Amino acid sequence: MPSFDVEFEVVCSCGEGLCNQSEGTSSRNGLYVTVDPCEKCLEKARDEGYDEGHTKGYDEGYEEARKDFE
């Protein structure tokens, strides 16, 4: 079976390069690239989750406190 080498860059949708977070492997079925999530996007998701949880907790706590005074 003929084979050839291919060079390519792996880039996250945010533009961050993922070459150091990627690993190429091969199997009987073909070639595969495994990519770990981008650190920038992981940090952004953590921050959004924290903000969402804080807002939800504040809103729920506020509603519970209002019930005590009604």
Protein backbone atom coordinates (compact mmCIF):
# COMPACT_ATOMS: atom_id res chain seq x y z
CA MET A 1 0.00 0.00 0.00
CA PRO A 2 1.46 3.41 -0.88
CA SER A 3 1.98 5.89 1.91
CA PHE A 4 2.92 9.56 2.18
CA ASP A 5 3.66 12.14 4.87
CA VAL A 6 1.41 15.10 5.53
CA GLU A 7 2.28 18.12 7.64
CA PHE A 8 -0.56 20.21 9.03
CA GLU A 9 -1.32 22.55 11.89
CA VAL A 10 -4.00 21.90 14.46
CA VAL A 11 -5.79 25.09 15.53
CA CYS A 12 -8.69 25.63 17.94
CA SER A 13 -11.73 27.57 16.72
CA CYS A 14 -10.54 30.44 18.95
CA GLY A 15 -7.27 30.58 16.99
CA GLU A 16 -5.00 29.01 19.60
CA GLY A 17 -2.46 26.57 18.19
CA LEU A 18 -2.91 23.02 19.47
CA CYS A 19 0.15 21.34 18.02
CA ASN A 20 1.61 20.61 21.47
CA GLN A 21 -1.75 19.22 22.59
CA SER A 22 -2.23 16.88 19.62
CA GLU A 23 -1.14 13.33 18.99
CA GLY A 24 -1.27 11.48 15.71
CA THR A 25 -1.80 7.71 15.66
CA SER A 26 -2.59 5.08 13.08
CA SER A 27 -4.55 1.86 13.09
CA ARG A 28 -5.81 -0.66 10.59
CA ASN A 29 -8.68 1.70 9.79
CA GLY A 30 -6.58 4.79 9.07
CA LEU A 31 -4.90 7.78 10.65
CA TYR A 32 -6.27 9.62 13.67
CA VAL A 33 -5.48 12.85 15.47
CA THR A 34 -6.37 13.15 19.15
CA VAL A 35 -6.62 16.73 20.41
CA ASP A 36 -6.84 17.89 24.01
CA PRO A 37 -9.06 20.95 24.63
CA CYS A 38 -7.48 24.39 24.25
CA GLU A 39 -6.41 25.86 27.61
CA LYS A 40 -7.90 29.27 26.70
CA CYS A 41 -11.30 27.71 25.94
CA LEU A 42 -11.18 25.55 29.08
CA GLU A 43 -10.45 28.61 31.22
CA LYS A 44 -13.24 30.56 29.50
CA ALA A 45 -15.70 27.69 30.10
CA ARG A 46 -14.67 27.47 33.78
CA ASP A 47 -15.16 31.22 34.19
CA GLU A 48 -18.57 31.12 32.49
CA GLY A 49 -19.63 28.18 34.67
CA TYR A 50 -18.51 29.99 37.80
CA ASP A 51 -20.33 33.17 36.79
CA GLU A 52 -23.49 31.24 35.92
CA GLY A 53 -23.41 29.33 39.21
CA HIS A 54 -22.80 32.51 41.20
CA THR A 55 -25.68 34.30 39.49
CA LYS A 56 -28.04 31.36 39.93
CA GLY A 57 -27.07 30.96 43.59
CA TYR A 58 -27.55 34.66 44.23
CA ASP A 59 -30.96 34.70 42.51
CA GLU A 60 -32.17 31.60 44.37
CA GLY A 61 -30.84 32.91 47.68
CA TYR A 62 -32.55 36.24 47.10
CA GLU A 63 -35.89 34.55 46.36
CA GLU A 64 -35.60 32.40 49.49
CA ALA A 65 -34.77 35.44 51.62
CA ARG A 66 -37.77 37.33 50.21
CA LYS A 67 -40.06 34.48 51.31
CA ASP A 68 -38.92 34.96 54.92
CA PHE A 69 -40.14 38.56 54.89
CA GLU A 70 -43.50 38.00 53.20
